[in-house]
Amino acid sequence: MSLVTTDATLYWQTRHLTAGPEWVDRYWQSRAMPHRAQIIRALRSLAPFASVYEAGCNAGPNLACIRAAWPAVTLAGCDVNPRAVAWATEWLVGARITCESLLDALVTLAPHAHDVILSCYALAYLGPDDVATAISLMRRAARLGIVVAEPMGPRSERVDGLDYPEWRHPYQALMPRGEFCAVQPPADRLNGLIVERCA
């Protein structure tokens, strides 16, 4: 794991301490944000599926939206923040949420462990040396496909003016087989979504 990825991981691991416990509640309450509905539409293109794993799920708002759309689907995910994981575990009964870094979690997933692997504004905290590895691990763990909703740009570049490392990466180049869709309206800097089917 690169130094910039380590710095971002440490920032998000302790975010509840610096932002206060209500930070996780606010994140959970973000379930109605428009980009989450766009993720659901993207997932429909991969249906039917029996399981979804979200890499970097925070308190689980995307997983809650997925459960509302597909109540029988098995949900799993990871997040590095222990308060977010506790919240997701409490509210998403039956979902398996682990407290570990995104890369550590993806490394431990067995090949074809889940039908769909999702990331939403989580790969943005991986440096350029780690993002291609994460996508490769997501592909390995997916049976049907992966959905990546992230801040995107023509090249890997750090976002200026933030207290923590955040990156735009060239996902269209990293995932040339995927279908790109602009996120409208953008959610903060999250501006694109790619659905890639397994070959």
N, C-alpha and C. Protein backbone atom coordinates (compact mmCIF):
# COMPACT_ATOMS: atom_id res chain seq x y z
N MET A 1 0.85 -1.18 0.00
CA MET A 1 0.00 0.00 0.00
C MET A 1 0.90 1.24 0.00
N SER A 2 0.60 2.18 -0.91
CA SER A 2 1.42 3.38 -1.02
C SER A 2 1.21 4.31 0.17
N LEU A 3 2.11 5.24 0.34
CA LEU A 3 2.05 6.17 1.46
C LEU A 3 0.79 7.05 1.39
N VAL A 4 0.41 7.50 0.18
CA VAL A 4 -0.79 8.35 0.09
C VAL A 4 -2.04 7.55 0.43
N THR A 5 -2.08 6.28 0.05
CA THR A 5 -3.22 5.44 0.42
C THR A 5 -3.25 5.23 1.93
N THR A 6 -2.09 5.02 2.53
CA THR A 6 -2.01 4.85 3.98
C THR A 6 -2.49 6.10 4.70
N ASP A 7 -2.10 7.28 4.21
CA ASP A 7 -2.54 8.54 4.82
C ASP A 7 -4.06 8.68 4.77
N ALA A 8 -4.67 8.38 3.62
CA ALA A 8 -6.12 8.48 3.49
C ALA A 8 -6.81 7.45 4.37
N THR A 9 -6.26 6.25 4.45
CA THR A 9 -6.84 5.20 5.29
C THR A 9 -6.86 5.63 6.75
N LEU A 10 -5.77 6.20 7.23
CA LEU A 10 -5.71 6.66 8.61
C LEU A 10 -6.71 7.79 8.86
N TYR A 11 -6.86 8.68 7.89
CA TYR A 11 -7.82 9.77 8.03
C TYR A 11 -9.23 9.22 8.20
N TRP A 12 -9.65 8.31 7.33
CA TRP A 12 -11.02 7.79 7.38
C TRP A 12 -11.22 6.82 8.55
N GLN A 13 -10.16 6.18 8.98
CA GLN A 13 -10.26 5.27 10.12
C GLN A 13 -10.65 6.01 11.39
N THR A 14 -10.22 7.26 11.51
CA THR A 14 -10.49 8.03 12.72
C THR A 14 -11.45 9.20 12.46
N ARG A 15 -12.13 9.21 11.35
CA ARG A 15 -12.98 10.35 10.98
C ARG A 15 -14.05 10.64 12.02
N HIS A 16 -14.60 9.60 12.64
CA HIS A 16 -15.65 9.82 13.64
C HIS A 16 -15.12 10.56 14.87
N LEU A 17 -13.82 10.48 15.10
CA LEU A 17 -13.23 11.18 16.25
C LEU A 17 -13.08 12.67 15.96
N THR A 18 -12.76 13.01 14.71
CA THR A 18 -12.55 14.41 14.36
C THR A 18 -13.84 15.10 13.95
N ALA A 19 -14.78 14.38 13.38
CA ALA A 19 -16.03 14.98 12.89
C ALA A 19 -17.19 14.80 13.87
N GLY A 20 -16.99 14.01 14.90
CA GLY A 20 -18.06 13.75 15.86
C GLY A 20 -18.89 12.55 15.45
N PRO A 21 -19.56 11.93 16.43
CA PRO A 21 -20.32 10.71 16.15
C PRO A 21 -21.47 10.92 15.18
N GLU A 22 -21.99 12.16 15.06
CA GLU A 22 -23.10 12.41 14.15
C GLU A 22 -22.70 12.30 12.68
N TRP A 23 -21.39 12.29 12.40
CA TRP A 23 -20.90 12.14 11.03
C TRP A 23 -21.44 10.85 10.41
N VAL A 24 -21.41 9.76 11.14
CA VAL A 24 -21.88 8.48 10.61
C VAL A 24 -23.40 8.53 10.39
N ASP A 25 -24.13 9.14 11.30
CA ASP A 25 -25.57 9.28 11.14
C ASP A 25 -25.90 10.08 9.89
N ARG A 26 -25.18 11.18 9.66
CA ARG A 26 -25.43 11.99 8.46
C ARG A 26 -25.17 11.16 7.20
N TYR A 27 -24.14 10.34 7.24
CA TYR A 27 -23.83 9.51 6.07
C TYR A 27 -24.95 8.50 5.83
N TRP A 28 -25.45 7.88 6.88
CA TRP A 28 -26.56 6.94 6.77
C TRP A 28 -27.79 7.63 6.20
N GLN A 29 -28.02 8.87 6.62
CA GLN A 29 -29.20 9.62 6.15
C GLN A 29 -29.08 10.05 4.69
N SER A 30 -27.94 9.83 4.06
CA SER A 30 -27.74 10.25 2.66
C SER A 30 -28.29 9.25 1.66
N ARG A 31 -29.12 8.32 2.10
CA ARG A 31 -29.63 7.27 1.22
C ARG A 31 -30.43 7.81 0.03
N ALA A 32 -31.02 8.99 0.17
CA ALA A 32 -31.86 9.55 -0.90
C ALA A 32 -31.07 10.37 -1.92
N MET A 33 -29.77 10.47 -1.78
CA MET A 33 -28.99 11.25 -2.75
C MET A 33 -29.16 10.65 -4.15
N PRO A 34 -29.29 11.49 -5.18
CA PRO A 34 -29.59 11.00 -6.54
C PRO A 34 -28.60 9.98 -7.10
N HIS A 35 -27.32 10.10 -6.75
CA HIS A 35 -26.36 9.15 -7.32
C HIS A 35 -26.61 7.72 -6.84
N ARG A 36 -27.24 7.55 -5.70
CA ARG A 36 -27.53 6.19 -5.22
C ARG A 36 -28.59 5.54 -6.11
N ALA A 37 -29.57 6.30 -6.57
CA ALA A 37 -30.56 5.77 -7.51
C ALA A 37 -29.90 5.39 -8.83
N GLN A 38 -28.90 6.15 -9.23
CA GLN A 38 -28.18 5.83 -10.46
C GLN A 38 -27.38 4.53 -10.30
N ILE A 39 -26.85 4.29 -9.12
CA ILE A 39 -26.15 3.02 -8.85
C ILE A 39 -27.15 1.86 -8.95
N ILE A 40 -28.34 2.04 -8.42
CA ILE A 40 -29.37 1.00 -8.52
C ILE A 40 -29.69 0.71 -9.98
N ARG A 41 -29.83 1.76 -10.80
CA ARG A 41 -30.08 1.54 -12.24
C ARG A 41 -28.94 0.78 -12.89
N ALA A 42 -27.71 1.10 -12.50
CA ALA A 42 -26.56 0.39 -13.06
C ALA A 42 -26.58 -1.08 -12.65
N LEU A 43 -26.93 -1.34 -11.40
CA LEU A 43 -27.00 -2.73 -10.93
C LEU A 43 -28.06 -3.52 -11.69
N ARG A 44 -29.16 -2.87 -12.07
CA ARG A 44 -30.22 -3.56 -12.83
C ARG A 44 -29.67 -4.16 -14.12
N SER A 45 -28.65 -3.53 -14.70
CA SER A 45 -28.07 -4.05 -15.94
C SER A 45 -27.30 -5.35 -15.71
N LEU A 46 -26.98 -5.66 -14.45
CA LEU A 46 -26.27 -6.90 -14.12
C LEU A 46 -27.21 -7.97 -13.55
N ALA A 47 -28.46 -7.61 -13.30
CA ALA A 47 -29.42 -8.55 -12.70
C ALA A 47 -29.75 -9.68 -13.69
N PRO A 48 -30.11 -10.84 -13.18
CA PRO A 48 -30.29 -11.16 -11.76
C PRO A 48 -28.96 -11.50 -11.09
N PHE A 49 -28.89 -11.17 -9.83
CA PHE A 49 -27.72 -11.50 -9.03
C PHE A 49 -28.18 -11.85 -7.63
N ALA A 50 -27.33 -12.61 -6.92
CA ALA A 50 -27.70 -13.08 -5.58
C ALA A 50 -26.89 -12.41 -4.48
N SER A 51 -25.76 -11.77 -4.82
CA SER A 51 -24.93 -11.16 -3.78
C SER A 51 -24.22 -9.93 -4.31
N VAL A 52 -24.07 -8.93 -3.42
CA VAL A 52 -23.35 -7.69 -3.73
C VAL A 52 -22.40 -7.41 -2.58
N TYR A 53 -21.17 -7.05 -2.92
CA TYR A 53 -20.15 -6.65 -1.95
C TYR A 53 -19.75 -5.22 -2.26
N GLU A 54 -19.83 -4.33 -1.25
CA GLU A 54 -19.39 -2.95 -1.45
C GLU A 54 -18.07 -2.72 -0.75
N ALA A 55 -17.07 -2.36 -1.53
CA ALA A 55 -15.75 -2.04 -1.00
C ALA A 55 -15.75 -0.58 -0.54
N GLY A 56 -15.64 -0.37 0.76
CA GLY A 56 -15.69 0.97 1.31
C GLY A 56 -17.12 1.45 1.48
N CYS A 57 -17.91 0.72 2.24
CA CYS A 57 -19.36 0.97 2.32
C CYS A 57 -19.76 2.01 3.36
N ASN A 58 -18.83 2.48 4.20
CA ASN A 58 -19.15 3.40 5.28
C ASN A 58 -20.30 2.84 6.10
N ALA A 59 -21.33 3.64 6.40
CA ALA A 59 -22.44 3.18 7.24
C ALA A 59 -23.46 2.35 6.47
N GLY A 60 -23.27 2.21 5.16
CA GLY A 60 -24.11 1.31 4.38
C GLY A 60 -25.29 1.91 3.63
N PRO A 61 -25.30 3.20 3.27
CA PRO A 61 -26.47 3.72 2.56
C PRO A 61 -26.70 3.07 1.20
N ASN A 62 -25.63 2.77 0.47
CA ASN A 62 -25.83 2.07 -0.82
C ASN A 62 -26.39 0.68 -0.59
N LEU A 63 -25.87 -0.02 0.40
CA LEU A 63 -26.36 -1.37 0.68
C LEU A 63 -27.82 -1.34 1.11
N ALA A 64 -28.22 -0.30 1.85
CA ALA A 64 -29.63 -0.17 2.24
C ALA A 64 -30.51 0.03 1.01
N CYS A 65 -30.04 0.83 0.06
CA CYS A 65 -30.80 1.03 -1.18
C CYS A 65 -30.88 -0.26 -1.99
N ILE A 66 -29.81 -1.03 -2.00
CA ILE A 66 -29.80 -2.31 -2.70
C ILE A 66 -30.78 -3.27 -2.04
N ARG A 67 -30.79 -3.30 -0.71
CA ARG A 67 -31.72 -4.18 0.00
C ARG A 67 -33.17 -3.78 -0.29
N ALA A 68 -33.45 -2.49 -0.38
CA ALA A 68 -34.81 -2.05 -0.68
C ALA A 68 -35.23 -2.50 -2.08
N ALA A 69 -34.29 -2.50 -3.02
CA ALA A 69 -34.60 -2.90 -4.40
C ALA A 69 -34.64 -4.42 -4.58
N TRP A 70 -33.77 -5.13 -3.85
CA TRP A 70 -33.65 -6.59 -3.96
C TRP A 70 -33.57 -7.17 -2.55
N PRO A 71 -34.68 -7.36 -1.87
CA PRO A 71 -34.65 -7.80 -0.46
C PRO A 71 -33.96 -9.14 -0.23
N ALA A 72 -33.94 -10.01 -1.21
CA ALA A 72 -33.37 -11.35 -1.01
C ALA A 72 -31.88 -11.43 -1.29
N VAL A 73 -31.29 -10.36 -1.80
CA VAL A 73 -29.87 -10.39 -2.16
C VAL A 73 -29.01 -10.38 -0.90
N THR A 74 -27.97 -11.20 -0.89
CA THR A 74 -27.00 -11.23 0.21
C THR A 74 -26.07 -10.03 0.09
N LEU A 75 -25.92 -9.30 1.19
CA LEU A 75 -25.11 -8.08 1.21
C LEU A 75 -23.87 -8.28 2.06
N ALA A 76 -22.77 -7.69 1.60
CA ALA A 76 -21.53 -7.71 2.36
C ALA A 76 -20.74 -6.46 2.00
N GLY A 77 -19.76 -6.16 2.81
CA GLY A 77 -18.92 -5.00 2.52
C GLY A 77 -17.83 -4.83 3.55
N CYS A 78 -17.06 -3.78 3.35
CA CYS A 78 -16.00 -3.45 4.29
C CYS A 78 -15.91 -1.94 4.42
N ASP A 79 -15.40 -1.49 5.54
CA ASP A 79 -15.03 -0.10 5.71
C ASP A 79 -13.95 -0.04 6.77
N VAL A 80 -13.12 0.98 6.69
CA VAL A 80 -12.00 1.10 7.61
C VAL A 80 -12.40 1.79 8.92
N ASN A 81 -13.57 2.44 8.94
CA ASN A 81 -13.98 3.18 10.13
C ASN A 81 -14.83 2.30 11.04
N PRO A 82 -14.40 2.05 12.28
CA PRO A 82 -15.12 1.13 13.16
C PRO A 82 -16.53 1.62 13.52
N ARG A 83 -16.71 2.92 13.67
CA ARG A 83 -18.06 3.44 13.99
C ARG A 83 -19.00 3.22 12.81
N ALA A 84 -18.52 3.45 11.60
CA ALA A 84 -19.35 3.22 10.42
C ALA A 84 -19.73 1.75 10.29
N VAL A 85 -18.78 0.87 10.56
CA VAL A 85 -19.04 -0.57 10.47
C VAL A 85 -20.07 -0.98 11.53
N ALA A 86 -19.95 -0.45 12.73
CA ALA A 86 -20.92 -0.77 13.78
C ALA A 86 -22.32 -0.30 13.38
N TRP A 87 -22.40 0.87 12.80
CA TRP A 87 -23.68 1.41 12.36
C TRP A 87 -24.27 0.53 11.25
N ALA A 88 -23.46 0.20 10.25
CA ALA A 88 -23.94 -0.63 9.14
C ALA A 88 -24.39 -2.00 9.63
N THR A 89 -23.65 -2.57 10.55
CA THR A 89 -23.99 -3.88 11.09
C THR A 89 -25.31 -3.84 11.85
N GLU A 90 -25.54 -2.74 12.58
CA GLU A 90 -26.78 -2.61 13.33
C GLU A 90 -27.99 -2.43 12.41
N TRP A 91 -27.86 -1.61 11.39
CA TRP A 91 -29.00 -1.27 10.54
C TRP A 91 -29.21 -2.23 9.38
N LEU A 92 -28.19 -2.94 8.98
CA LEU A 92 -28.31 -3.88 7.86
C LEU A 92 -28.22 -5.30 8.41
N VAL A 93 -29.23 -5.68 9.15
CA VAL A 93 -29.24 -6.99 9.81
C VAL A 93 -29.02 -8.08 8.77
N GLY A 94 -28.07 -8.95 9.08
CA GLY A 94 -27.77 -10.06 8.19
C GLY A 94 -26.66 -9.77 7.19
N ALA A 95 -26.32 -8.50 6.99
CA ALA A 95 -25.20 -8.18 6.10
C ALA A 95 -23.89 -8.44 6.83
N ARG A 96 -22.90 -8.88 6.09
CA ARG A 96 -21.58 -9.16 6.68
C ARG A 96 -20.65 -7.99 6.35
N ILE A 97 -20.43 -7.13 7.32
CA ILE A 97 -19.59 -5.94 7.14
C ILE A 97 -18.34 -6.10 7.99
N THR A 98 -17.18 -6.01 7.38
CA THR A 98 -15.92 -6.15 8.12
C THR A 98 -15.23 -4.79 8.25
N CYS A 99 -14.46 -4.65 9.33
CA CYS A 99 -13.70 -3.42 9.57
C CYS A 99 -12.26 -3.65 9.15
N GLU A 100 -11.97 -3.22 7.93
CA GLU A 100 -10.62 -3.35 7.39
C GLU A 100 -10.47 -2.42 6.19
N SER A 101 -9.25 -2.18 5.80
CA SER A 101 -9.02 -1.30 4.66
C SER A 101 -9.54 -1.97 3.39
N LEU A 102 -9.85 -1.14 2.43
CA LEU A 102 -10.39 -1.61 1.16
C LEU A 102 -9.45 -2.63 0.50
N LEU A 103 -8.18 -2.31 0.41
CA LEU A 103 -7.23 -3.23 -0.23
C LEU A 103 -7.08 -4.53 0.55
N ASP A 104 -6.99 -4.44 1.88
CA ASP A 104 -6.88 -5.66 2.68
C ASP A 104 -8.11 -6.55 2.50
N ALA A 105 -9.28 -5.92 2.47
CA ALA A 105 -10.51 -6.69 2.30
C ALA A 105 -10.57 -7.36 0.93
N LEU A 106 -10.22 -6.62 -0.11
CA LEU A 106 -10.28 -7.19 -1.47
C LEU A 106 -9.29 -8.34 -1.64
N VAL A 107 -8.13 -8.22 -1.02
CA VAL A 107 -7.13 -9.30 -1.12
C VAL A 107 -7.66 -10.60 -0.53
N THR A 108 -8.46 -10.50 0.54
CA THR A 108 -8.93 -11.71 1.21
C THR A 108 -10.17 -12.33 0.55
N LEU A 109 -10.83 -11.61 -0.36
CA LEU A 109 -12.00 -12.18 -1.04
C LEU A 109 -11.56 -13.30 -1.98
N ALA A 110 -12.26 -14.40 -1.93
CA ALA A 110 -11.96 -15.52 -2.83
C ALA A 110 -12.36 -15.15 -4.25
N PRO A 111 -11.75 -15.81 -5.24
CA PRO A 111 -12.20 -15.59 -6.62
C PRO A 111 -13.69 -15.88 -6.75
N HIS A 112 -14.38 -14.99 -7.44
CA HIS A 112 -15.83 -15.12 -7.69
C HIS A 112 -16.62 -15.24 -6.39
N ALA A 113 -16.19 -14.51 -5.36
CA ALA A 113 -16.84 -14.59 -4.05
C ALA A 113 -18.25 -14.00 -4.07
N HIS A 114 -18.49 -13.00 -4.91
CA HIS A 114 -19.79 -12.32 -4.97
C HIS A 114 -20.17 -12.10 -6.42
N ASP A 115 -21.47 -11.99 -6.68
CA ASP A 115 -21.91 -11.72 -8.04
C ASP A 115 -21.45 -10.35 -8.51
N VAL A 116 -21.62 -9.34 -7.66
CA VAL A 116 -21.28 -7.97 -8.04
C VAL A 116 -20.40 -7.36 -6.95
N ILE A 117 -19.37 -6.64 -7.40
CA ILE A 117 -18.53 -5.86 -6.50
C ILE A 117 -18.74 -4.39 -6.84
N LEU A 118 -19.00 -3.58 -5.82
CA LEU A 118 -19.32 -2.17 -5.99
C LEU A 118 -18.32 -1.31 -5.22
N SER A 119 -17.94 -0.19 -5.82
CA SER A 119 -17.26 0.87 -5.06
C SER A 119 -17.95 2.18 -5.38
N CYS A 120 -18.13 2.98 -4.35
CA CYS A 120 -18.75 4.30 -4.52
C CYS A 120 -17.96 5.30 -3.68
N TYR A 121 -17.20 6.13 -4.36
CA TYR A 121 -16.40 7.16 -3.69
C TYR A 121 -15.49 6.55 -2.64
N ALA A 122 -14.92 5.40 -2.96
CA ALA A 122 -13.97 4.74 -2.05
C ALA A 122 -12.60 4.59 -2.71
N LEU A 123 -12.57 4.29 -4.01
CA LEU A 123 -11.30 4.18 -4.71
C LEU A 123 -10.61 5.54 -4.84
N ALA A 124 -11.36 6.61 -4.61
CA ALA A 124 -10.79 7.96 -4.65
C ALA A 124 -9.72 8.16 -3.58
N TYR A 125 -9.71 7.29 -2.58
CA TYR A 125 -8.74 7.43 -1.50
C TYR A 125 -7.55 6.49 -1.66
N LEU A 126 -7.44 5.90 -2.84
CA LEU A 126 -6.27 5.10 -3.18
C LEU A 126 -5.38 5.91 -4.11
N GLY A 127 -4.09 5.86 -3.83
CA GLY A 127 -3.15 6.55 -4.70
C GLY A 127 -3.02 5.87 -6.05
N PRO A 128 -2.37 6.53 -7.00
CA PRO A 128 -2.22 5.98 -8.35
C PRO A 128 -1.55 4.61 -8.40
N ASP A 129 -0.68 4.33 -7.45
CA ASP A 129 0.00 3.03 -7.44
C ASP A 129 -0.90 1.90 -6.97
N ASP A 130 -2.05 2.22 -6.36
CA ASP A 130 -2.91 1.19 -5.78
C ASP A 130 -4.24 0.99 -6.50
N VAL A 131 -4.68 1.97 -7.28
CA VAL A 131 -6.03 1.89 -7.85
C VAL A 131 -6.16 0.76 -8.87
N ALA A 132 -5.15 0.55 -9.71
CA ALA A 132 -5.23 -0.55 -10.69
C ALA A 132 -5.26 -1.90 -9.98
N THR A 133 -4.52 -2.02 -8.89
CA THR A 133 -4.54 -3.26 -8.10
C THR A 133 -5.93 -3.51 -7.55
N ALA A 134 -6.57 -2.46 -7.02
CA ALA A 134 -7.91 -2.61 -6.46
C ALA A 134 -8.90 -3.06 -7.53
N ILE A 135 -8.84 -2.48 -8.71
CA ILE A 135 -9.76 -2.87 -9.79
C ILE A 135 -9.52 -4.31 -10.19
N SER A 136 -8.26 -4.71 -10.26
CA SER A 136 -7.94 -6.10 -10.59
C SER A 136 -8.51 -7.07 -9.54
N LEU A 137 -8.38 -6.70 -8.27
CA LEU A 137 -8.92 -7.54 -7.19
C LEU A 137 -10.45 -7.57 -7.23
N MET A 138 -11.09 -6.46 -7.57
CA MET A 138 -12.54 -6.43 -7.72
C MET A 138 -12.98 -7.37 -8.83
N ARG A 139 -12.28 -7.33 -9.96
CA ARG A 139 -12.60 -8.23 -11.08
C ARG A 139 -12.47 -9.68 -10.66
N ARG A 140 -11.43 -9.98 -9.92
CA ARG A 140 -11.19 -11.36 -9.49
C ARG A 140 -12.31 -11.86 -8.58
N ALA A 141 -12.83 -10.97 -7.73
CA ALA A 141 -13.84 -11.37 -6.74
C ALA A 141 -15.25 -11.42 -7.30
N ALA A 142 -15.48 -10.85 -8.49
CA ALA A 142 -16.82 -10.75 -9.06
C ALA A 142 -17.14 -11.90 -10.00
N ARG A 143 -18.38 -12.40 -9.90
CA ARG A 143 -18.85 -13.41 -10.85
C ARG A 143 -19.50 -12.78 -12.08
N LEU A 144 -20.29 -11.71 -11.87
CA LEU A 144 -21.04 -11.10 -12.96
C LEU A 144 -20.46 -9.78 -13.43
N GLY A 145 -20.01 -8.95 -12.50
CA GLY A 145 -19.48 -7.66 -12.91
C GLY A 145 -19.16 -6.77 -11.75
N ILE A 146 -18.60 -5.60 -12.08
CA ILE A 146 -18.27 -4.61 -11.08
C ILE A 146 -18.90 -3.27 -11.47
N VAL A 147 -19.24 -2.49 -10.45
CA VAL A 147 -19.76 -1.14 -10.64
C VAL A 147 -18.85 -0.20 -9.87
N VAL A 148 -18.33 0.80 -10.57
CA VAL A 148 -17.42 1.77 -9.98
C VAL A 148 -18.03 3.16 -10.16
N ALA A 149 -18.39 3.82 -9.06
CA ALA A 149 -18.91 5.19 -9.08
C ALA A 149 -17.92 6.05 -8.31
N GLU A 150 -17.16 6.86 -9.01
CA GLU A 150 -16.02 7.54 -8.41
C GLU A 150 -15.77 8.90 -9.06
N PRO A 151 -14.98 9.75 -8.42
CA PRO A 151 -14.48 10.94 -9.10
C PRO A 151 -13.53 10.51 -10.22
N MET A 152 -13.81 10.94 -11.44
CA MET A 152 -13.05 10.48 -12.60
C MET A 152 -12.42 11.66 -13.32
N GLY A 153 -11.29 11.40 -13.96
CA GLY A 153 -10.60 12.40 -14.75
C GLY A 153 -9.76 11.74 -15.81
N PRO A 154 -9.10 12.52 -16.66
CA PRO A 154 -8.32 11.95 -17.75
C PRO A 154 -7.00 11.31 -17.31
N ARG A 155 -6.57 11.62 -16.10
CA ARG A 155 -5.33 11.05 -15.56
C ARG A 155 -5.45 11.05 -14.03
N SER A 156 -4.57 10.32 -13.38
CA SER A 156 -4.57 10.34 -11.91
C SER A 156 -4.04 11.68 -11.44
N GLU A 157 -4.87 12.38 -10.65
CA GLU A 157 -4.44 13.66 -10.10
C GLU A 157 -5.07 13.85 -8.73
N ARG A 158 -4.28 14.38 -7.84
CA ARG A 158 -4.77 14.63 -6.48
C ARG A 158 -5.67 15.86 -6.48
N VAL A 159 -6.75 15.78 -5.72
CA VAL A 159 -7.67 16.91 -5.58
C VAL A 159 -7.06 17.90 -4.60
N ASP A 160 -6.91 19.13 -5.01
CA ASP A 160 -6.31 20.16 -4.17
C ASP A 160 -7.31 20.69 -3.14
N GLY A 161 -6.78 21.22 -2.04
CA GLY A 161 -7.58 21.94 -1.07
C GLY A 161 -8.28 21.09 -0.02
N LEU A 162 -7.96 19.81 0.05
CA LEU A 162 -8.60 18.94 1.04
C LEU A 162 -7.61 18.60 2.15
N ASP A 163 -8.15 18.24 3.32
CA ASP A 163 -7.30 17.88 4.46
C ASP A 163 -6.76 16.46 4.37
N TYR A 164 -7.15 15.72 3.35
CA TYR A 164 -6.80 14.31 3.23
C TYR A 164 -6.54 14.02 1.75
N PRO A 165 -5.82 12.95 1.45
CA PRO A 165 -5.56 12.62 0.04
C PRO A 165 -6.82 12.08 -0.65
N GLU A 166 -7.23 12.73 -1.71
CA GLU A 166 -8.31 12.24 -2.56
C GLU A 166 -7.86 12.39 -4.00
N TRP A 167 -8.22 11.39 -4.81
CA TRP A 167 -7.72 11.32 -6.18
C TRP A 167 -8.84 11.16 -7.19
N ARG A 168 -8.65 11.79 -8.36
CA ARG A 168 -9.42 11.46 -9.55
C ARG A 168 -8.53 10.51 -10.35
N HIS A 169 -9.10 9.42 -10.84
CA HIS A 169 -8.33 8.47 -11.63
C HIS A 169 -8.98 8.28 -13.00
N PRO A 170 -8.22 7.82 -13.98
CA PRO A 170 -8.75 7.63 -15.35
C PRO A 170 -9.44 6.26 -15.51
N TYR A 171 -10.61 6.11 -14.90
CA TYR A 171 -11.27 4.81 -14.87
C TYR A 171 -11.65 4.32 -16.27
N GLN A 172 -11.94 5.24 -17.19
CA GLN A 172 -12.29 4.79 -18.54
C GLN A 172 -11.09 4.11 -19.20
N ALA A 173 -9.89 4.56 -18.92
CA ALA A 173 -8.70 3.90 -19.43
C ALA A 173 -8.39 2.62 -18.66
N LEU A 174 -8.64 2.63 -17.34
CA LEU A 174 -8.39 1.46 -16.52
C LEU A 174 -9.42 0.35 -16.75
N MET A 175 -10.61 0.73 -17.23
CA MET A 175 -11.71 -0.22 -17.43
C MET A 175 -12.29 -0.06 -18.85
N PRO A 176 -11.47 -0.31 -19.88
CA PRO A 176 -11.91 -0.02 -21.26
C PRO A 176 -13.10 -0.86 -21.72
N ARG A 177 -13.36 -2.00 -21.09
CA ARG A 177 -14.51 -2.83 -21.49
C ARG A 177 -15.81 -2.36 -20.84
N GLY A 178 -15.71 -1.44 -19.90
CA GLY A 178 -16.88 -1.01 -19.16
C GLY A 178 -17.73 0.02 -19.89
N GLU A 179 -18.98 0.14 -19.43
CA GLU A 179 -19.91 1.14 -19.96
C GLU A 179 -19.88 2.34 -19.02
N PHE A 180 -19.52 3.50 -19.57
CA PHE A 180 -19.42 4.73 -18.78
C PHE A 180 -20.75 5.49 -18.80
N CYS A 181 -21.08 6.09 -17.67
CA CYS A 181 -22.25 6.96 -17.58
C CYS A 181 -21.88 8.11 -16.65
N ALA A 182 -22.17 9.34 -17.07
CA ALA A 182 -21.93 10.49 -16.20
C ALA A 182 -22.92 10.47 -15.04
N VAL A 183 -22.46 10.81 -13.86
CA VAL A 183 -23.34 10.92 -12.70
C VAL A 183 -23.92 12.34 -12.71
N GLN A 184 -25.24 12.41 -12.80
CA GLN A 184 -25.93 13.69 -12.87
C GLN A 184 -27.01 13.77 -11.79
N PRO A 185 -26.98 14.74 -10.93
CA PRO A 185 -25.89 15.70 -10.76
C PRO A 185 -24.72 15.04 -10.04
N PRO A 186 -23.52 15.55 -10.24
CA PRO A 186 -22.38 14.97 -9.51
C PRO A 186 -22.60 15.03 -8.00
N ALA A 187 -22.15 14.02 -7.30
CA ALA A 187 -22.23 14.00 -5.84
C ALA A 187 -20.87 14.40 -5.31
N ASP A 188 -20.76 15.64 -4.89
CA ASP A 188 -19.47 16.22 -4.53
C ASP A 188 -18.59 16.13 -5.78
N ARG A 189 -17.50 15.39 -5.75
CA ARG A 189 -16.67 15.24 -6.94
C ARG A 189 -16.94 13.93 -7.67
N LEU A 190 -17.84 13.11 -7.18
CA LEU A 190 -18.21 11.85 -7.83
C LEU A 190 -18.99 12.22 -9.11
N ASN A 191 -18.37 11.98 -10.26
CA ASN A 191 -18.94 12.46 -11.52
C ASN A 191 -19.15 11.38 -12.57
N GLY A 192 -18.76 10.14 -12.28
CA GLY A 192 -18.90 9.10 -13.30
C GLY A 192 -19.13 7.73 -12.70
N LEU A 193 -19.72 6.88 -13.50
CA LEU A 193 -20.05 5.51 -13.10
C LEU A 193 -19.71 4.58 -14.26
N ILE A 194 -19.07 3.49 -13.97
CA ILE A 194 -18.75 2.49 -14.99
C ILE A 194 -19.25 1.13 -14.54
N VAL A 195 -19.94 0.44 -15.44
CA VAL A 195 -20.36 -0.94 -15.21
C VAL A 195 -19.52 -1.81 -16.13
N GLU A 196 -18.83 -2.78 -15.54
CA GLU A 196 -18.02 -3.70 -16.34
C GLU A 196 -18.47 -5.12 -16.07
N ARG A 197 -18.91 -5.81 -17.11
CA ARG A 197 -19.31 -7.20 -17.00
C ARG A 197 -18.09 -8.11 -17.01
N CYS A 198 -18.18 -9.18 -16.29
CA CYS A 198 -17.09 -10.16 -16.31
C CYS A 198 -17.04 -10.81 -17.69
N ALA A 199 -15.85 -11.04 -18.16
CA ALA A 199 -15.67 -11.64 -19.49
C ALA A 199 -16.13 -13.08 -19.50
